[in-house]
Amino acid sequence: MPRVARKRSAGKQRRTFSLAPDVTSFLDEFRARIHAPSATAALEALVREEKLRRAQEELNAQISAFYDSLSEQGRREELEWAEFVHAHGMHVEE
């Protein structure tokens, strides 16, 4: 009997993994918690969360590097701006 080719979702690549039982249990629990339609969707969500966490870490490192590089005068100016924003009830979006 010939195999019937199934249409794959656009842009997705098929992968096969062997996972430890504790990992599959975690994935199943995570899938249920986020109401993912499949283990694949749950795994994609976990990977995206990790990518977002790493991007946030990188951004935080860049911000820290910026402030660490400021001269004393630059620090004073930043502090003055922060005090101005706070005193005028302004909100800075993150």
C-alpha atoms as a PDB file:
ATOM      1  CA  MET A   1       0.000   0.000   0.000  1.00  0.00           C
ATOM      2  CA  PRO A   2       1.542   3.369  -0.980  1.00  0.00           C
ATOM      3  CA  ARG A   3       2.198   5.908   1.718  1.00  0.00           C
ATOM      4  CA  VAL A   4       0.029   8.966   1.584  1.00  0.00           C
ATOM      5  CA  ALA A   5       2.025  12.149   1.915  1.00  0.00           C
ATOM      6  CA  ARG A   6       0.680  14.416   4.601  1.00  0.00           C
ATOM      7  CA  LYS A   7       0.913  18.134   4.172  1.00  0.00           C
ATOM      8  CA  ARG A   8       3.280  19.712   6.699  1.00  0.00           C
ATOM      9  CA  SER A   9       2.683  23.083   8.242  1.00  0.00           C
ATOM     10  CA  ALA A  10       4.374  25.797   6.249  1.00  0.00           C
ATOM     11  CA  GLY A  11       7.892  26.531   7.397  1.00  0.00           C
ATOM     12  CA  LYS A  12       8.135  23.664   9.871  1.00  0.00           C
ATOM     13  CA  GLN A  13      10.782  20.961   9.879  1.00  0.00           C
ATOM     14  CA  ARG A  14      10.136  17.470  11.152  1.00  0.00           C
ATOM     15  CA  ARG A  15      12.434  16.354  13.996  1.00  0.00           C
ATOM     16  CA  THR A  16      12.463  13.248  16.149  1.00  0.00           C
ATOM     17  CA  PHE A  17      13.696  13.325  19.755  1.00  0.00           C
ATOM     18  CA  SER A  18      14.169  10.749  22.471  1.00  0.00           C
ATOM     19  CA  LEU A  19      13.514  12.338  25.851  1.00  0.00           C
ATOM     20  CA  ALA A  20      13.959  11.128  29.408  1.00  0.00           C
ATOM     21  CA  PRO A  21      10.742  10.238  31.246  1.00  0.00           C
ATOM     22  CA  ASP A  22      11.019  13.209  33.612  1.00  0.00           C
ATOM     23  CA  VAL A  23      11.345  15.534  30.622  1.00  0.00           C
ATOM     24  CA  THR A  24       8.312  14.071  28.869  1.00  0.00           C
ATOM     25  CA  SER A  25       6.329  14.330  32.116  1.00  0.00           C
ATOM     26  CA  PHE A  26       7.317  17.989  32.435  1.00  0.00           C
ATOM     27  CA  LEU A  27       6.385  18.627  28.802  1.00  0.00           C
ATOM     28  CA  ASP A  28       2.998  16.956  29.297  1.00  0.00           C
ATOM     29  CA  GLU A  29       2.326  19.023  32.440  1.00  0.00           C
ATOM     30  CA  PHE A  30       3.429  22.207  30.681  1.00  0.00           C
ATOM     31  CA  ARG A  31       1.228  21.364  27.693  1.00  0.00           C
ATOM     32  CA  ALA A  32      -1.787  20.945  29.970  1.00  0.00           C
ATOM     33  CA  ARG A  33      -1.014  24.154  31.895  1.00  0.00           C
ATOM     34  CA  ILE A  34      -0.822  26.300  28.754  1.00  0.00           C
ATOM     35  CA  HIS A  35      -3.583  24.374  26.966  1.00  0.00           C
ATOM     36  CA  ALA A  36      -1.312  23.667  24.002  1.00  0.00           C
ATOM     37  CA  PRO A  37      -2.939  21.617  21.250  1.00  0.00           C
ATOM     38  CA  SER A  38       0.087  19.302  20.990  1.00  0.00           C
ATOM     39  CA  ALA A  39       3.413  18.392  22.550  1.00  0.00           C
ATOM     40  CA  THR A  40       5.036  20.136  19.592  1.00  0.00           C
ATOM     41  CA  ALA A  41       3.209  23.377  20.385  1.00  0.00           C
ATOM     42  CA  ALA A  42       4.252  23.081  24.037  1.00  0.00           C
ATOM     43  CA  LEU A  43       7.879  22.477  23.067  1.00  0.00           C
ATOM     44  CA  GLU A  44       7.771  25.465  20.702  1.00  0.00           C
ATOM     45  CA  ALA A  45       6.410  27.610  23.555  1.00  0.00           C
ATOM     46  CA  LEU A  46       9.244  26.496  25.847  1.00  0.00           C
ATOM     47  CA  VAL A  47      11.855  27.285  23.209  1.00  0.00           C
ATOM     48  CA  ARG A  48      10.310  30.691  22.538  1.00  0.00           C
ATOM     49  CA  GLU A  49      10.282  31.443  26.284  1.00  0.00           C
ATOM     50  CA  GLU A  50      13.979  30.581  26.467  1.00  0.00           C
ATOM     51  CA  LYS A  51      14.748  32.746  23.438  1.00  0.00           C
ATOM     52  CA  LEU A  52      12.877  35.632  25.038  1.00  0.00           C
ATOM     53  CA  ARG A  53      14.703  35.097  28.358  1.00  0.00           C
ATOM     54  CA  ARG A  54      18.072  35.164  26.579  1.00  0.00           C
ATOM     55  CA  ALA A  55      17.137  38.301  24.641  1.00  0.00           C
ATOM     56  CA  GLN A  56      16.106  39.981  27.920  1.00  0.00           C
ATOM     57  CA  GLU A  57      19.410  38.964  29.530  1.00  0.00           C
ATOM     58  CA  GLU A  58      21.315  40.420  26.579  1.00  0.00           C
ATOM     59  CA  LEU A  59      19.343  43.657  26.761  1.00  0.00           C
ATOM     60  CA  ASN A  60      19.968  43.893  30.506  1.00  0.00           C
ATOM     61  CA  ALA A  61      23.698  43.333  29.912  1.00  0.00           C
ATOM     62  CA  GLN A  62      23.739  46.095  27.280  1.00  0.00           C
ATOM     63  CA  ILE A  63      21.914  48.496  29.602  1.00  0.00           C
ATOM     64  CA  SER A  64      24.318  47.684  32.435  1.00  0.00           C
ATOM     65  CA  ALA A  65      27.304  48.196  30.123  1.00  0.00           C
ATOM     66  CA  PHE A  66      25.902  51.575  29.077  1.00  0.00           C
ATOM     67  CA  TYR A  67      25.455  52.800  32.630  1.00  0.00           C
ATOM     68  CA  ASP A  68      28.807  51.328  33.712  1.00  0.00           C
ATOM     69  CA  SER A  69      30.501  53.283  30.919  1.00  0.00           C
ATOM     70  CA  LEU A  70      29.093  56.654  31.983  1.00  0.00           C
ATOM     71  CA  SER A  71      31.368  59.265  33.439  1.00  0.00           C
ATOM     72  CA  GLU A  72      30.528  60.834  36.767  1.00  0.00           C
ATOM     73  CA  GLN A  73      28.973  63.764  34.872  1.00  0.00           C
ATOM     74  CA  GLY A  74      26.920  61.344  32.752  1.00  0.00           C
ATOM     75  CA  ARG A  75      25.668  59.572  35.872  1.00  0.00           C
ATOM     76  CA  ARG A  76      24.608  62.891  37.391  1.00  0.00           C
ATOM     77  CA  GLU A  77      22.719  63.808  34.210  1.00  0.00           C
ATOM     78  CA  GLU A  78      20.940  60.447  34.156  1.00  0.00           C
ATOM     79  CA  LEU A  79      20.010  60.858  37.817  1.00  0.00           C
ATOM     80  CA  GLU A  80      18.679  64.360  37.148  1.00  0.00           C
ATOM     81  CA  TRP A  81      16.510  63.049  34.296  1.00  0.00           C
ATOM     82  CA  ALA A  82      15.205  60.233  36.488  1.00  0.00           C
ATOM     83  CA  GLU A  83      14.349  62.671  39.262  1.00  0.00           C
ATOM     84  CA  PHE A  84      12.636  64.983  36.751  1.00  0.00           C
ATOM     85  CA  VAL A  85      10.521  62.144  35.351  1.00  0.00           C
ATOM     86  CA  HIS A  86       9.590  60.983  38.842  1.00  0.00           C
ATOM     87  CA  ALA A  87       8.795  64.507  40.089  1.00  0.00           C
ATOM     88  CA  HIS A  88       6.465  65.144  37.145  1.00  0.00           C
ATOM     89  CA  GLY A  89       4.615  61.863  37.453  1.00  0.00           C
ATOM     90  CA  MET A  90       5.812  60.657  34.085  1.00  0.00           C
ATOM     91  CA  HIS A  91       5.959  56.967  33.301  1.00  0.00           C
ATOM     92  CA  VAL A  92       8.617  55.404  31.094  1.00  0.00           C
ATOM     93  CA  GLU A  93       7.390  52.395  29.106  1.00  0.00           C
ATOM     94  CA  GLU A  94       9.526  49.270  29.340  1.00  0.00           C
END
